[in-house]
């Protein structure tokens, strides 16, 4: 596996992913009972934006770098930005960008727990060092897909699984996710599962979305940010998250922040967002397992 997230930390895909993650953990914390956070592809946990990898691509400059100086951010984006600031411990230059494990651990309460899976030896070691003082966080150097089956349902009985793979083989990764989700939903039908995916060609994403409409979950929300038309395999045109068993009113929580991202990060005439219920059995006017019309905006 050659993918290293340090080259991409803080880019527009991270912004979307971590904005959704903050909203999901907020939703879990609406109840007093503890929850478990499971990360199948955890990475290093925190990234140095002045490091060699990040400087080589400069991707953070067009994602987090834009938003850190923006004004008038909606509450969700503002909360995400404050979490990023907290990960820098007083460094006003905001040199470091937190990965999903750091964000989750920062938001977790004393009674919550985290299970972090990372296959790379060096990244797993970095995770252990980052959280060596935190008894709530457990790091496992193992394949996240295999570990997931053993970790669910967690003792807390409720929680969130983040599946954020490297997607080195686009179609193959989607099929692996489908296999893992099918098994996970059979063991833990009430768990929340959030899956990140890249968007190059829409034709690569459509079979995954069709599978999700038939996965058996009662609520599946797709959240997408496109900076370019989704018709070229040569670049990352957009990014998406699907949330299986999405919390109530998650779409409303995300909408204001999501509609702002194309305006701040995108190109006029090309960028848009999509907020689509693939499945929502609470909607009386839509048949079960039928996609809803997407809510989209295109910057002009």
Protein backbone atom coordinates (compact mmCIF):
# COMPACT_ATOMS: atom_id res chain seq x y z
CA UNK A 1 0.00 0.00 0.00
CA UNK A 2 1.68 3.20 -1.18
CA UNK A 3 -0.92 5.77 -0.15
CA UNK A 4 0.23 8.24 2.51
CA UNK A 5 -2.34 10.65 3.84
CA UNK A 6 0.34 13.14 4.87
CA UNK A 7 0.41 14.30 1.24
CA UNK A 8 -3.30 15.16 1.34
CA UNK A 9 -3.98 16.23 4.94
CA UNK A 10 -6.16 19.30 5.21
CA UNK A 11 -7.33 19.22 1.59
CA UNK A 12 -10.94 19.81 0.54
CA UNK A 13 -11.77 16.12 1.01
CA UNK A 14 -10.58 16.27 4.62
CA UNK A 15 -12.67 19.39 5.20
CA UNK A 16 -15.85 17.60 4.11
CA UNK A 17 -15.02 14.37 5.94
CA UNK A 18 -14.19 16.06 9.21
CA UNK A 19 -17.14 18.45 9.05
CA UNK A 20 -19.43 15.42 8.78
CA UNK A 21 -17.53 13.63 11.56
CA UNK A 22 -18.03 16.56 13.93
CA UNK A 23 -21.77 16.58 13.16
CA UNK A 24 -22.04 12.83 13.77
CA UNK A 25 -20.27 12.93 17.12
CA UNK A 26 -22.39 15.90 18.14
CA UNK A 27 -25.47 13.81 17.36
CA UNK A 28 -24.19 10.88 19.42
CA UNK A 29 -23.60 13.18 22.37
CA UNK A 30 -27.24 14.20 22.45
CA UNK A 31 -27.73 11.10 24.61
CA UNK A 32 -26.01 10.66 27.96
CA UNK A 33 -25.13 7.00 27.43
CA UNK A 34 -21.57 6.30 26.21
CA UNK A 35 -20.67 5.46 22.63
CA UNK A 36 -17.78 3.77 20.82
CA UNK A 37 -15.92 5.30 17.88
CA UNK A 38 -14.27 2.81 15.50
CA UNK A 39 -11.85 3.96 12.78
CA UNK A 40 -10.89 1.28 10.25
CA UNK A 41 -8.14 3.27 8.49
CA UNK A 42 -6.93 5.64 11.17
CA UNK A 43 -3.64 6.95 9.75
CA UNK A 44 -1.21 8.84 11.98
CA UNK A 45 -3.81 10.89 13.84
CA UNK A 46 -2.18 14.30 13.27
CA UNK A 47 -0.19 15.78 10.37
CA UNK A 48 2.50 18.43 10.07
CA UNK A 49 1.51 20.84 7.30
CA UNK A 50 5.12 22.04 7.16
CA UNK A 51 6.35 18.50 6.61
CA UNK A 52 7.92 17.33 3.36
CA UNK A 53 4.83 15.45 2.17
CA UNK A 54 2.35 18.26 2.79
CA UNK A 55 4.63 20.90 1.26
CA UNK A 56 5.15 18.79 -1.84
CA UNK A 57 1.47 18.84 -2.81
CA UNK A 58 0.26 22.03 -1.12
CA UNK A 59 -3.26 20.55 -1.04
CA UNK A 60 -4.01 21.98 2.39
CA UNK A 61 -3.61 25.50 1.00
CA UNK A 62 -6.75 25.05 -1.09
CA UNK A 63 -8.78 23.41 1.67
CA UNK A 64 -8.08 24.13 5.32
CA UNK A 65 -5.84 27.05 4.32
CA UNK A 66 -8.80 28.88 2.79
CA UNK A 67 -11.22 28.25 5.63
CA UNK A 68 -8.87 29.11 8.49
CA UNK A 69 -9.01 32.79 7.46
CA UNK A 70 -12.65 32.86 6.32
CA UNK A 71 -15.23 34.94 8.16
CA UNK A 72 -18.89 34.29 8.80
CA UNK A 73 -18.60 30.52 8.94
CA UNK A 74 -21.73 28.57 9.95
CA UNK A 75 -21.67 26.98 13.43
CA UNK A 76 -20.63 23.51 12.24
CA UNK A 77 -17.64 24.72 10.23
CA UNK A 78 -16.69 27.07 13.03
CA UNK A 79 -16.71 24.20 15.54
CA UNK A 80 -14.51 22.11 13.22
CA UNK A 81 -12.08 25.02 12.90
CA UNK A 82 -11.93 25.46 16.67
CA UNK A 83 -11.06 21.75 17.01
CA UNK A 84 -8.22 22.21 14.52
CA UNK A 85 -6.98 25.16 16.58
CA UNK A 86 -7.12 23.03 19.73
CA UNK A 87 -4.89 20.42 18.08
CA UNK A 88 -2.18 23.07 17.71
CA UNK A 89 -2.00 23.87 21.43
CA UNK A 90 -1.52 27.61 21.14
CA UNK A 91 0.43 27.65 17.87
CA UNK A 92 -1.29 30.49 16.03
CA UNK A 93 0.32 29.44 12.75
CA UNK A 94 -1.83 26.26 12.82
CA UNK A 95 1.03 24.08 11.68
CA UNK A 96 -0.73 20.80 12.45
CA UNK A 97 -3.89 19.33 11.00
CA UNK A 98 -5.73 16.67 13.05
CA UNK A 99 -6.89 13.42 11.52
CA UNK A 100 -10.18 11.76 12.34
CA UNK A 101 -8.81 9.95 15.44
CA UNK A 102 -7.67 13.19 17.05
CA UNK A 103 -10.95 14.95 16.28
CA UNK A 104 -12.98 12.06 17.70
CA UNK A 105 -10.85 11.77 20.85
CA UNK A 106 -11.04 15.53 21.43
CA UNK A 107 -14.83 15.45 21.26
CA UNK A 108 -15.34 12.24 23.23
CA UNK A 109 -16.50 12.32 26.83
CA UNK A 110 -14.85 10.48 29.71
CA UNK A 111 -17.20 7.51 29.36
CA UNK A 112 -16.79 7.09 25.58
CA UNK A 113 -14.13 4.95 23.89
CA UNK A 114 -12.27 4.67 20.59
CA UNK A 115 -10.88 1.70 18.67
CA UNK A 116 -8.34 2.78 16.04
CA UNK A 117 -7.08 0.40 13.35
CA UNK A 118 -4.00 1.13 11.24
CA UNK A 119 -2.10 -1.44 9.21
CA UNK A 120 1.14 0.51 8.64
CA UNK A 121 3.70 -0.12 11.34
CA UNK A 122 5.03 3.45 11.47
CA UNK A 123 1.60 5.08 11.42
CA UNK A 124 0.29 2.71 14.09
CA UNK A 125 3.32 3.62 16.20
CA UNK A 126 2.61 7.31 15.74
CA UNK A 127 -0.99 6.74 16.83
CA UNK A 128 0.12 4.94 19.98
CA UNK A 129 2.48 7.77 20.83
CA UNK A 130 -0.22 10.37 20.21
CA UNK A 131 -2.70 8.68 22.54
CA UNK A 132 -0.40 6.95 25.02
CA UNK A 133 -1.85 9.06 27.84
CA UNK A 134 -5.52 8.45 26.94
CA UNK A 135 -7.02 5.29 28.40
CA UNK A 136 -10.18 5.74 26.34
CA UNK A 137 -8.29 5.18 23.08
CA UNK A 138 -7.09 1.75 21.90
CA UNK A 139 -4.78 1.36 18.88
CA UNK A 140 -4.65 -1.86 16.84
CA UNK A 141 -2.05 -2.51 14.16
CA UNK A 142 -4.23 -4.66 11.91
CA UNK A 143 -6.40 -4.59 8.82
CA UNK A 144 -9.43 -2.48 9.62
CA UNK A 145 -11.88 -4.47 7.52
CA UNK A 146 -10.96 -7.67 9.34
CA UNK A 147 -10.91 -5.99 12.75
CA UNK A 148 -14.34 -4.45 12.30
CA UNK A 149 -16.09 -7.80 12.41
CA UNK A 150 -14.48 -8.55 15.78
CA UNK A 151 -15.19 -5.13 17.29
CA UNK A 152 -18.94 -4.92 16.74
CA UNK A 153 -21.25 -4.59 18.41
CA UNK A 154 -19.20 -2.69 21.01
CA UNK A 155 -19.95 -3.02 24.70
CA UNK A 156 -21.49 0.46 24.64
CA UNK A 157 -24.11 -0.88 22.18
CA UNK A 158 -24.13 2.38 20.21
CA UNK A 159 -21.55 4.30 18.25
CA UNK A 160 -19.97 5.24 14.95
CA UNK A 161 -17.73 3.41 12.49
CA UNK A 162 -15.65 5.52 10.09
CA UNK A 163 -14.47 3.65 6.98
CA UNK A 164 -11.90 5.86 5.26
CA UNK A 165 -9.77 3.65 2.99
CA UNK A 166 -7.01 4.74 0.58
CA UNK A 167 -8.95 3.79 -2.59
CA UNK A 168 -5.89 2.72 -4.50
CA UNK A 169 -8.16 0.42 -6.55
CA UNK A 170 -11.36 2.39 -7.01
CA UNK A 171 -13.90 -0.27 -7.99
CA UNK A 172 -12.21 -2.92 -5.88
CA UNK A 173 -12.39 -0.72 -2.79
CA UNK A 174 -16.11 -0.10 -3.27
CA UNK A 175 -16.75 -3.85 -3.48
CA UNK A 176 -14.69 -4.42 -0.30
CA UNK A 177 -16.72 -1.75 1.50
CA UNK A 178 -19.98 -3.37 0.40
CA UNK A 179 -18.80 -6.74 1.69
CA UNK A 180 -17.75 -5.27 5.04
CA UNK A 181 -20.93 -3.22 5.45
CA UNK A 182 -23.13 -6.22 4.70
CA UNK A 183 -21.43 -8.25 7.43
CA UNK A 184 -21.37 -5.33 9.87
CA UNK A 185 -25.05 -4.50 9.46
CA UNK A 186 -25.93 -8.14 10.07
CA UNK A 187 -24.11 -8.03 13.42
CA UNK A 188 -24.94 -4.44 14.40
CA UNK A 189 -28.00 -3.19 12.51
CA UNK A 190 -28.32 -0.09 14.69
CA UNK A 191 -24.74 1.18 14.34
CA UNK A 192 -23.88 4.33 12.43
CA UNK A 193 -21.47 3.70 9.54
CA UNK A 194 -19.82 6.62 7.72
CA UNK A 195 -17.90 5.86 4.53
CA UNK A 196 -15.61 8.31 2.75
CA UNK A 197 -15.03 7.98 -1.00
CA UNK A 198 -13.29 9.94 -3.77
CA UNK A 199 -15.15 11.08 -6.88
CA UNK A 200 -13.44 10.96 -10.24
CA UNK A 201 -15.98 9.36 -12.57
CA UNK A 202 -19.65 9.32 -11.54
CA UNK A 203 -19.93 5.91 -13.16
CA UNK A 204 -17.61 4.53 -10.44
CA UNK A 205 -19.85 5.82 -7.64
CA UNK A 206 -23.28 4.90 -9.03
CA UNK A 207 -23.06 1.12 -8.43
CA UNK A 208 -22.12 1.76 -4.79
CA UNK A 209 -25.07 4.09 -4.32
CA UNK A 210 -27.41 1.52 -5.93
CA UNK A 211 -26.08 -1.15 -3.55
CA UNK A 212 -26.75 1.13 -0.59
CA UNK A 213 -30.42 1.54 -1.56
CA UNK A 214 -30.77 -2.22 -1.03
CA UNK A 215 -28.46 -2.70 1.98
CA UNK A 216 -31.35 -2.99 4.43
CA UNK A 217 -30.73 0.20 6.41
CA UNK A 218 -33.69 2.51 6.91
CA UNK A 219 -31.75 5.75 6.46
CA UNK A 220 -28.78 6.35 4.15
CA UNK A 221 -27.58 9.90 3.46
CA UNK A 222 -25.05 10.82 0.76
CA UNK A 223 -23.06 14.05 1.17
CA UNK A 224 -20.89 15.20 -1.73
CA UNK A 225 -18.69 18.14 -2.64
CA UNK A 226 -17.67 18.50 -6.30
CA UNK A 227 -15.05 21.02 -7.35
CA UNK A 228 -14.99 19.87 -10.99
CA UNK A 229 -17.34 17.90 -13.26
CA UNK A 230 -17.30 14.20 -12.32
CA UNK A 231 -16.28 12.96 -15.76
CA UNK A 232 -12.50 12.53 -15.68
CA UNK A 233 -10.47 9.66 -14.17
CA UNK A 234 -7.29 11.75 -14.20
CA UNK A 235 -7.92 13.88 -11.12
CA UNK A 236 -9.88 14.04 -7.88
CA UNK A 237 -12.98 15.96 -8.96
CA UNK A 238 -14.89 15.64 -5.74
CA UNK A 239 -15.39 13.77 -2.51
CA UNK A 240 -18.28 12.14 -0.74
CA UNK A 241 -19.51 10.57 2.46
CA UNK A 242 -22.37 8.15 2.90
CA UNK A 243 -23.87 7.74 6.34
CA UNK A 244 -25.74 4.51 6.97
CA UNK A 245 -28.27 4.85 9.81
CA UNK A 246 -27.84 8.61 9.64
CA UNK A 247 -29.00 10.45 12.78
CA UNK A 248 -32.25 12.36 12.71
CA UNK A 249 -32.02 15.76 10.96
CA UNK A 250 -28.37 15.25 10.01
CA UNK A 251 -29.11 16.73 6.59
CA UNK A 252 -30.40 19.93 8.21
CA UNK A 253 -27.30 20.12 10.41
CA UNK A 254 -24.99 19.85 7.40
CA UNK A 255 -26.80 21.98 4.83
CA UNK A 256 -25.64 25.53 5.71
CA UNK A 257 -21.99 24.54 5.93
CA UNK A 258 -22.15 22.28 2.90
CA UNK A 259 -23.66 24.92 0.63
CA UNK A 260 -20.86 27.33 1.57
CA UNK A 261 -17.98 25.02 0.63
CA UNK A 262 -18.38 25.25 -3.19
CA UNK A 263 -18.33 29.02 -2.94
CA UNK A 264 -15.16 29.10 -0.85
CA UNK A 265 -13.21 26.18 -2.29
CA UNK A 266 -14.55 25.73 -5.80
CA UNK A 267 -14.32 27.15 -9.30
CA UNK A 268 -17.11 29.33 -10.73
CA UNK A 269 -19.43 27.32 -12.95
CA UNK A 270 -18.01 23.95 -11.87
CA UNK A 271 -18.41 23.44 -8.12
CA UNK A 272 -21.51 22.10 -6.40
CA UNK A 273 -22.73 20.15 -3.41
CA UNK A 274 -25.17 17.28 -3.24
CA UNK A 275 -27.13 16.22 -0.19
CA UNK A 276 -29.16 13.14 -1.10
CA UNK A 277 -31.25 10.67 0.87
CA UNK A 278 -30.55 7.37 -0.84
CA UNK A 279 -32.89 5.70 1.64
CA UNK A 280 -35.24 7.38 4.12
CA UNK A 281 -38.11 5.23 5.28
CA UNK A 282 -39.38 8.06 7.46
CA UNK A 283 -40.53 9.88 4.32
CA UNK A 284 -44.10 8.83 3.59
CA UNK A 285 -44.05 10.18 0.05
CA UNK A 286 -40.96 8.20 -1.05
CA UNK A 287 -40.96 4.40 -1.43
CA UNK A 288 -38.59 2.46 0.80
CA UNK A 289 -35.14 2.01 -0.72
CA UNK A 290 -35.77 4.61 -3.44
CA UNK A 291 -33.32 7.49 -3.92
CA UNK A 292 -34.55 10.98 -3.10
CA UNK A 293 -33.92 13.88 -5.41
CA UNK A 294 -30.59 15.49 -4.51
CA UNK A 295 -30.32 18.98 -3.09
CA UNK A 296 -27.63 20.63 -5.23
CA UNK A 297 -26.17 24.03 -5.76
CA UNK A 298 -23.84 25.04 -8.56
CA UNK A 299 -21.62 28.07 -8.23
CA UNK A 300 -22.13 30.38 -11.20
